[in-house]
């Protein structure tokens, strides 16, 4: 397995009504432009649906495509949601998603105990609200940091 220094939390930047998962995001990432990004696969390693179901994305042994400059030594988790009905950034994740995120991150921390938990917005040069909450504070409050 490759070195993992960061567990990065993202949001899909979708409205609460969007019931999407890894397959839809995979299409967004891998379809050719202008519909998609033209990547070879989904950028994230895990997707957490609104129901709390964790879906696999890119295999963890493979380098993701989710934080420019940090992909080689990070894993990406995407929470579905993050926009309100008007399209503005909002922490609107559901209890089942929070529970699934805690379980997934705790499991990953067992495998990669030195990995730091960060939100996408915590990296240099990122000009997004993603994941729409303070990931490092969340991790501390959950006893994961």
N, C-alpha and C. Protein backbone atom coordinates (compact mmCIF):
# COMPACT_ATOMS: atom_id res chain seq x y z
N UNK A 1 0.85 -1.19 0.00
CA UNK A 1 0.00 0.00 0.00
C UNK A 1 0.88 1.24 0.00
N UNK A 2 0.40 2.27 -0.61
CA UNK A 2 1.17 3.52 -0.66
C UNK A 2 1.07 4.29 0.65
N UNK A 3 1.96 5.25 0.81
CA UNK A 3 1.98 6.10 2.01
C UNK A 3 0.76 7.01 1.98
N UNK A 4 0.08 7.12 3.11
CA UNK A 4 -1.08 8.01 3.23
C UNK A 4 -0.80 8.99 4.36
N UNK A 5 -0.67 10.26 4.00
CA UNK A 5 -0.45 11.33 4.98
C UNK A 5 -1.73 12.08 5.32
N UNK A 6 -2.72 12.03 4.42
CA UNK A 6 -3.95 12.80 4.61
C UNK A 6 -5.18 11.96 4.27
N UNK A 7 -6.20 12.12 5.09
CA UNK A 7 -7.54 11.64 4.78
C UNK A 7 -8.34 12.92 4.53
N UNK A 8 -8.79 13.11 3.30
CA UNK A 8 -9.38 14.38 2.89
C UNK A 8 -10.89 14.21 2.72
N UNK A 9 -11.63 15.08 3.39
CA UNK A 9 -13.08 15.05 3.32
C UNK A 9 -13.55 16.12 2.34
N UNK A 10 -14.44 15.70 1.46
CA UNK A 10 -15.01 16.54 0.41
C UNK A 10 -16.54 16.50 0.51
N UNK A 11 -17.17 17.35 -0.27
CA UNK A 11 -18.61 17.24 -0.50
C UNK A 11 -18.84 17.22 -2.01
N UNK A 12 -19.98 16.71 -2.42
CA UNK A 12 -20.28 16.61 -3.85
C UNK A 12 -20.79 17.92 -4.42
N UNK A 13 -21.05 18.91 -3.57
CA UNK A 13 -21.62 20.19 -4.00
C UNK A 13 -22.91 19.96 -4.77
N UNK A 14 -23.79 19.17 -4.14
CA UNK A 14 -25.12 18.91 -4.69
C UNK A 14 -26.17 19.30 -3.66
N UNK A 15 -27.37 19.55 -4.14
CA UNK A 15 -28.49 19.93 -3.27
C UNK A 15 -28.99 18.71 -2.49
N UNK A 16 -29.67 18.94 -1.36
CA UNK A 16 -30.14 17.83 -0.54
C UNK A 16 -31.04 16.84 -1.28
N UNK A 17 -31.72 17.29 -2.31
CA UNK A 17 -32.62 16.42 -3.06
C UNK A 17 -31.90 15.47 -4.02
N UNK A 18 -30.61 15.67 -4.23
CA UNK A 18 -29.85 14.84 -5.18
C UNK A 18 -29.45 13.53 -4.52
N UNK A 19 -30.10 12.46 -4.92
CA UNK A 19 -29.78 11.13 -4.40
C UNK A 19 -28.78 10.48 -5.36
N UNK A 20 -27.52 10.81 -5.17
CA UNK A 20 -26.47 10.31 -6.07
C UNK A 20 -25.47 9.49 -5.27
N UNK A 21 -24.63 8.78 -5.99
CA UNK A 21 -23.58 7.99 -5.36
C UNK A 21 -22.36 7.92 -6.24
N UNK A 22 -21.55 6.91 -6.00
CA UNK A 22 -20.27 6.78 -6.70
C UNK A 22 -20.43 6.68 -8.21
N UNK A 23 -21.44 5.99 -8.69
CA UNK A 23 -21.58 5.81 -10.14
C UNK A 23 -21.86 7.13 -10.85
N UNK A 24 -22.71 7.96 -10.27
CA UNK A 24 -23.00 9.26 -10.89
C UNK A 24 -21.75 10.14 -10.87
N UNK A 25 -21.06 10.16 -9.74
CA UNK A 25 -19.85 10.98 -9.65
C UNK A 25 -18.78 10.43 -10.59
N UNK A 26 -18.69 9.12 -10.71
CA UNK A 26 -17.74 8.51 -11.65
C UNK A 26 -18.00 9.03 -13.07
N UNK A 27 -19.26 9.11 -13.45
CA UNK A 27 -19.58 9.63 -14.80
C UNK A 27 -19.17 11.09 -14.92
N UNK A 28 -19.46 11.89 -13.88
CA UNK A 28 -19.07 13.31 -13.94
C UNK A 28 -17.57 13.44 -14.11
N UNK A 29 -16.82 12.61 -13.45
CA UNK A 29 -15.36 12.69 -13.50
C UNK A 29 -14.77 12.08 -14.76
N UNK A 30 -15.38 11.01 -15.27
CA UNK A 30 -14.74 10.28 -16.37
C UNK A 30 -15.33 10.54 -17.75
N UNK A 31 -16.55 11.07 -17.83
CA UNK A 31 -17.08 11.39 -19.15
C UNK A 31 -16.19 12.46 -19.80
N UNK A 32 -16.06 12.40 -21.11
CA UNK A 32 -15.24 13.42 -21.78
C UNK A 32 -15.89 14.80 -21.69
N UNK A 33 -15.08 15.85 -21.72
CA UNK A 33 -15.64 17.21 -21.73
C UNK A 33 -16.52 17.37 -22.98
N UNK A 34 -17.51 18.19 -22.97
CA UNK A 34 -17.84 19.14 -21.92
C UNK A 34 -18.72 18.57 -20.82
N UNK A 35 -19.22 17.34 -20.95
CA UNK A 35 -20.09 16.76 -19.91
C UNK A 35 -19.33 16.42 -18.64
N UNK A 36 -18.09 15.96 -18.77
CA UNK A 36 -17.32 15.54 -17.61
C UNK A 36 -15.92 16.10 -17.63
N UNK A 37 -15.08 15.56 -16.74
CA UNK A 37 -13.69 16.01 -16.63
C UNK A 37 -12.73 15.26 -17.54
N UNK A 38 -13.15 14.08 -18.03
CA UNK A 38 -12.27 13.29 -18.88
C UNK A 38 -11.21 12.52 -18.11
N UNK A 39 -11.40 12.34 -16.80
CA UNK A 39 -10.45 11.57 -16.01
C UNK A 39 -10.65 10.09 -16.27
N UNK A 40 -9.70 9.26 -15.85
CA UNK A 40 -9.82 7.83 -16.11
C UNK A 40 -10.78 7.13 -15.16
N UNK A 41 -11.12 7.76 -14.03
CA UNK A 41 -12.01 7.16 -13.04
C UNK A 41 -12.51 8.26 -12.10
N UNK A 42 -13.37 7.88 -11.18
CA UNK A 42 -13.81 8.79 -10.12
C UNK A 42 -12.58 9.26 -9.35
N UNK A 43 -12.60 10.49 -8.90
CA UNK A 43 -11.45 11.02 -8.18
C UNK A 43 -11.36 10.60 -6.73
N UNK A 44 -12.51 10.29 -6.11
CA UNK A 44 -12.56 9.94 -4.69
C UNK A 44 -12.39 8.44 -4.48
N UNK A 45 -11.98 8.09 -3.28
CA UNK A 45 -11.84 6.67 -2.91
C UNK A 45 -13.11 6.12 -2.28
N UNK A 46 -13.90 7.01 -1.67
CA UNK A 46 -15.14 6.61 -1.01
C UNK A 46 -16.18 7.71 -1.22
N UNK A 47 -17.44 7.29 -1.35
CA UNK A 47 -18.57 8.22 -1.44
C UNK A 47 -19.58 7.80 -0.39
N UNK A 48 -20.07 8.78 0.38
CA UNK A 48 -21.09 8.51 1.39
C UNK A 48 -22.39 9.14 0.93
N UNK A 49 -23.33 8.28 0.56
CA UNK A 49 -24.64 8.72 0.07
C UNK A 49 -25.44 9.39 1.19
N UNK A 50 -26.54 10.04 0.85
CA UNK A 50 -27.41 10.69 1.83
C UNK A 50 -27.95 9.67 2.84
N UNK A 51 -28.11 8.42 2.43
CA UNK A 51 -28.60 7.36 3.32
C UNK A 51 -27.56 6.91 4.32
N UNK A 52 -26.30 7.30 4.12
CA UNK A 52 -25.20 6.84 4.96
C UNK A 52 -24.47 5.65 4.38
N UNK A 53 -24.95 5.14 3.26
CA UNK A 53 -24.27 4.01 2.62
C UNK A 53 -22.93 4.47 2.07
N UNK A 54 -21.88 3.73 2.40
CA UNK A 54 -20.54 4.03 1.90
C UNK A 54 -20.32 3.22 0.63
N UNK A 55 -20.00 3.90 -0.45
CA UNK A 55 -19.76 3.24 -1.73
C UNK A 55 -18.29 3.40 -2.10
N UNK A 56 -17.70 2.35 -2.66
CA UNK A 56 -16.31 2.45 -3.08
C UNK A 56 -16.18 3.31 -4.33
N UNK A 57 -15.10 4.04 -4.38
CA UNK A 57 -14.76 4.81 -5.56
C UNK A 57 -13.52 4.20 -6.18
N UNK A 58 -12.52 5.02 -6.37
CA UNK A 58 -11.24 4.53 -6.86
C UNK A 58 -10.61 3.64 -5.79
N UNK A 59 -9.99 2.53 -6.15
CA UNK A 59 -9.37 1.68 -5.12
C UNK A 59 -8.32 2.46 -4.32
N UNK A 60 -8.28 2.28 -2.99
CA UNK A 60 -7.34 3.03 -2.15
C UNK A 60 -5.87 2.84 -2.54
N UNK A 61 -5.52 1.73 -3.14
CA UNK A 61 -4.13 1.52 -3.55
C UNK A 61 -3.74 2.42 -4.73
N UNK A 62 -4.74 2.98 -5.40
CA UNK A 62 -4.50 3.87 -6.54
C UNK A 62 -4.54 5.33 -6.11
N UNK A 63 -3.76 6.13 -6.76
CA UNK A 63 -3.74 7.57 -6.50
C UNK A 63 -5.05 8.18 -6.98
N UNK A 64 -5.67 8.99 -6.13
CA UNK A 64 -6.92 9.63 -6.47
C UNK A 64 -6.73 10.89 -7.29
N UNK A 65 -7.83 11.61 -7.48
CA UNK A 65 -7.82 12.89 -8.19
C UNK A 65 -8.81 13.80 -7.46
N UNK A 66 -8.37 14.32 -6.30
CA UNK A 66 -9.29 15.09 -5.48
C UNK A 66 -8.67 16.31 -4.82
N UNK A 67 -7.34 16.38 -4.67
CA UNK A 67 -6.66 17.56 -4.13
C UNK A 67 -5.36 17.74 -4.92
N UNK A 68 -5.36 18.68 -5.80
CA UNK A 68 -4.19 18.91 -6.65
C UNK A 68 -2.93 19.10 -5.80
N UNK A 69 -1.90 18.34 -6.15
CA UNK A 69 -0.63 18.41 -5.45
C UNK A 69 -0.51 17.48 -4.25
N UNK A 70 -1.62 16.86 -3.83
CA UNK A 70 -1.61 16.01 -2.64
C UNK A 70 -2.18 14.62 -2.91
N UNK A 71 -2.56 14.34 -4.13
CA UNK A 71 -3.21 13.07 -4.45
C UNK A 71 -2.33 11.85 -4.19
N UNK A 72 -1.04 11.99 -4.40
CA UNK A 72 -0.14 10.84 -4.29
C UNK A 72 -0.12 10.22 -2.91
N UNK A 73 -0.39 11.02 -1.88
CA UNK A 73 -0.31 10.50 -0.52
C UNK A 73 -1.54 10.88 0.31
N UNK A 74 -2.72 10.74 -0.33
CA UNK A 74 -3.97 11.01 0.38
C UNK A 74 -5.07 10.08 -0.10
N UNK A 75 -6.10 10.00 0.72
CA UNK A 75 -7.34 9.30 0.36
C UNK A 75 -8.46 10.32 0.41
N UNK A 76 -9.39 10.24 -0.54
CA UNK A 76 -10.50 11.18 -0.62
C UNK A 76 -11.84 10.53 -0.29
N UNK A 77 -12.59 11.19 0.59
CA UNK A 77 -13.93 10.78 0.97
C UNK A 77 -14.89 11.90 0.55
N UNK A 78 -15.96 11.55 -0.15
CA UNK A 78 -16.94 12.54 -0.59
C UNK A 78 -18.28 12.31 0.09
N UNK A 79 -18.75 13.31 0.82
CA UNK A 79 -20.09 13.30 1.38
C UNK A 79 -21.04 13.91 0.35
N UNK A 80 -22.13 13.22 0.05
CA UNK A 80 -23.09 13.75 -0.92
C UNK A 80 -23.91 14.85 -0.25
N UNK A 81 -23.96 16.00 -0.89
CA UNK A 81 -24.65 17.17 -0.37
C UNK A 81 -23.71 18.35 -0.37
N UNK A 82 -24.00 19.34 0.46
CA UNK A 82 -23.13 20.49 0.61
C UNK A 82 -23.66 21.77 0.00
N UNK A 83 -24.80 21.70 -0.72
CA UNK A 83 -25.44 22.91 -1.23
C UNK A 83 -26.87 22.95 -0.72
N UNK A 84 -27.37 24.17 -0.44
CA UNK A 84 -28.77 24.28 -0.07
C UNK A 84 -29.63 24.30 -1.34
N UNK A 85 -30.92 24.43 -1.17
CA UNK A 85 -31.85 24.40 -2.31
C UNK A 85 -31.59 25.53 -3.29
N UNK A 86 -30.96 26.61 -2.82
CA UNK A 86 -30.64 27.75 -3.70
C UNK A 86 -29.27 27.63 -4.35
N UNK A 87 -28.53 26.58 -4.02
CA UNK A 87 -27.22 26.38 -4.61
C UNK A 87 -26.07 27.00 -3.84
N UNK A 88 -26.32 27.44 -2.62
CA UNK A 88 -25.27 28.02 -1.78
C UNK A 88 -24.67 26.93 -0.88
N UNK A 89 -23.39 27.09 -0.55
CA UNK A 89 -22.71 26.13 0.32
C UNK A 89 -23.42 26.04 1.67
N UNK A 90 -23.63 24.77 2.12
CA UNK A 90 -24.32 24.55 3.38
C UNK A 90 -23.94 23.18 3.94
N UNK A 91 -23.68 23.15 5.24
CA UNK A 91 -23.46 21.90 5.94
C UNK A 91 -24.84 21.28 6.18
N UNK A 92 -25.27 20.42 5.26
CA UNK A 92 -26.60 19.82 5.35
C UNK A 92 -26.53 18.29 5.36
N UNK A 93 -25.47 17.76 5.90
CA UNK A 93 -25.29 16.32 5.92
C UNK A 93 -26.19 15.70 6.98
N UNK A 94 -26.64 14.50 6.71
CA UNK A 94 -27.62 13.82 7.54
C UNK A 94 -26.95 12.97 8.62
N UNK A 95 -27.67 12.68 9.71
CA UNK A 95 -27.09 11.87 10.79
C UNK A 95 -26.48 10.56 10.31
N UNK A 96 -27.11 9.90 9.36
CA UNK A 96 -26.55 8.64 8.84
C UNK A 96 -25.21 8.87 8.14
N UNK A 97 -25.06 10.02 7.48
CA UNK A 97 -23.79 10.34 6.83
C UNK A 97 -22.70 10.60 7.87
N UNK A 98 -23.04 11.34 8.92
CA UNK A 98 -22.06 11.63 9.97
C UNK A 98 -21.60 10.34 10.63
N UNK A 99 -22.54 9.44 10.90
CA UNK A 99 -22.19 8.16 11.53
C UNK A 99 -21.28 7.34 10.62
N UNK A 100 -21.62 7.30 9.33
CA UNK A 100 -20.81 6.54 8.37
C UNK A 100 -19.42 7.16 8.22
N UNK A 101 -19.36 8.50 8.21
CA UNK A 101 -18.08 9.18 8.10
C UNK A 101 -17.20 8.85 9.29
N UNK A 102 -17.76 8.89 10.48
CA UNK A 102 -16.98 8.58 11.68
C UNK A 102 -16.44 7.16 11.63
N UNK A 103 -17.27 6.21 11.26
CA UNK A 103 -16.85 4.81 11.18
C UNK A 103 -15.76 4.63 10.13
N UNK A 104 -15.96 5.22 8.96
CA UNK A 104 -14.98 5.09 7.87
C UNK A 104 -13.65 5.72 8.25
N UNK A 105 -13.69 6.93 8.79
CA UNK A 105 -12.44 7.61 9.16
C UNK A 105 -11.73 6.85 10.28
N UNK A 106 -12.49 6.34 11.25
CA UNK A 106 -11.87 5.56 12.33
C UNK A 106 -11.17 4.33 11.76
N UNK A 107 -11.80 3.67 10.81
CA UNK A 107 -11.19 2.50 10.16
C UNK A 107 -9.91 2.90 9.42
N UNK A 108 -9.98 3.98 8.69
CA UNK A 108 -8.80 4.44 7.94
C UNK A 108 -7.67 4.87 8.88
N UNK A 109 -8.02 5.48 10.00
CA UNK A 109 -7.00 5.88 10.97
C UNK A 109 -6.32 4.66 11.60
N UNK A 110 -7.05 3.55 11.73
CA UNK A 110 -6.43 2.31 12.21
C UNK A 110 -5.37 1.84 11.21
N UNK A 111 -5.66 1.96 9.94
CA UNK A 111 -4.74 1.52 8.89
C UNK A 111 -3.61 2.52 8.66
N UNK A 112 -3.91 3.80 8.85
CA UNK A 112 -2.95 4.88 8.59
C UNK A 112 -2.94 5.83 9.79
N UNK A 113 -2.38 5.40 10.91
CA UNK A 113 -2.49 6.18 12.16
C UNK A 113 -1.85 7.57 12.10
N UNK A 114 -0.91 7.77 11.22
CA UNK A 114 -0.26 9.09 11.13
C UNK A 114 -0.98 10.04 10.18
N UNK A 115 -1.99 9.55 9.48
CA UNK A 115 -2.71 10.39 8.52
C UNK A 115 -3.46 11.51 9.23
N UNK A 116 -3.34 12.69 8.67
CA UNK A 116 -4.03 13.87 9.19
C UNK A 116 -5.37 14.01 8.47
N UNK A 117 -6.41 14.34 9.21
CA UNK A 117 -7.74 14.52 8.63
C UNK A 117 -7.91 15.99 8.31
N UNK A 118 -8.25 16.26 7.05
CA UNK A 118 -8.43 17.64 6.60
C UNK A 118 -9.63 17.72 5.66
N UNK A 119 -10.18 18.90 5.57
CA UNK A 119 -11.17 19.19 4.55
C UNK A 119 -10.47 19.67 3.29
N UNK A 120 -11.14 19.54 2.16
CA UNK A 120 -10.56 20.00 0.89
C UNK A 120 -10.12 21.45 0.99
N UNK A 121 -10.94 22.28 1.62
CA UNK A 121 -10.65 23.71 1.71
C UNK A 121 -9.44 24.04 2.57
N UNK A 122 -8.92 23.06 3.31
CA UNK A 122 -7.78 23.29 4.19
C UNK A 122 -6.43 23.24 3.47
N UNK A 123 -6.43 22.93 2.18
CA UNK A 123 -5.18 22.82 1.44
C UNK A 123 -4.86 24.13 0.72
N UNK A 124 -3.58 24.43 0.59
CA UNK A 124 -3.17 25.69 -0.06
C UNK A 124 -3.74 25.80 -1.48
N UNK A 125 -4.21 27.00 -1.77
CA UNK A 125 -4.69 27.29 -3.12
C UNK A 125 -6.12 26.87 -3.41
N UNK A 126 -6.77 26.17 -2.49
CA UNK A 126 -8.16 25.73 -2.72
C UNK A 126 -9.09 26.90 -2.41
N UNK A 127 -9.92 27.23 -3.36
CA UNK A 127 -10.85 28.34 -3.19
C UNK A 127 -12.29 27.82 -3.27
N UNK A 128 -12.58 26.87 -2.41
CA UNK A 128 -13.91 26.26 -2.34
C UNK A 128 -14.31 26.18 -0.88
N UNK A 129 -15.62 26.05 -0.63
CA UNK A 129 -16.11 25.85 0.73
C UNK A 129 -16.05 24.38 1.14
N UNK A 130 -15.77 23.52 0.21
CA UNK A 130 -15.76 22.07 0.39
C UNK A 130 -14.90 21.65 1.58
N UNK A 131 -15.44 20.92 2.53
CA UNK A 131 -16.70 20.19 2.56
C UNK A 131 -17.85 20.91 3.27
N UNK A 132 -17.76 22.20 3.47
CA UNK A 132 -18.81 23.01 4.11
C UNK A 132 -18.88 22.85 5.62
N UNK A 133 -17.81 22.36 6.22
CA UNK A 133 -17.67 22.33 7.67
C UNK A 133 -16.19 22.23 7.98
N UNK A 134 -15.84 22.48 9.23
CA UNK A 134 -14.45 22.45 9.67
C UNK A 134 -14.07 21.00 9.98
N UNK A 135 -13.45 20.34 9.01
CA UNK A 135 -13.14 18.91 9.12
C UNK A 135 -12.17 18.61 10.26
N UNK A 136 -11.18 19.45 10.46
CA UNK A 136 -10.21 19.19 11.52
C UNK A 136 -10.85 19.29 12.90
N UNK A 137 -11.73 20.26 13.10
CA UNK A 137 -12.45 20.38 14.37
C UNK A 137 -13.38 19.19 14.57
N UNK A 138 -14.07 18.78 13.50
CA UNK A 138 -14.94 17.60 13.58
C UNK A 138 -14.13 16.38 14.02
N UNK A 139 -12.98 16.17 13.41
CA UNK A 139 -12.14 15.01 13.74
C UNK A 139 -11.71 15.05 15.21
N UNK A 140 -11.31 16.23 15.70
CA UNK A 140 -10.94 16.37 17.11
C UNK A 140 -12.12 16.03 18.01
N UNK A 141 -13.30 16.55 17.69
CA UNK A 141 -14.50 16.31 18.50
C UNK A 141 -14.90 14.85 18.51
N UNK A 142 -14.55 14.11 17.47
CA UNK A 142 -14.89 12.69 17.39
C UNK A 142 -13.80 11.81 18.00
N UNK A 143 -12.71 12.42 18.44
CA UNK A 143 -11.59 11.66 18.99
C UNK A 143 -10.77 10.97 17.93
N UNK A 144 -10.78 11.51 16.73
CA UNK A 144 -10.08 10.89 15.59
C UNK A 144 -8.79 11.60 15.22
N UNK A 145 -8.56 12.76 15.78
CA UNK A 145 -7.36 13.53 15.42
C UNK A 145 -6.23 13.29 16.41
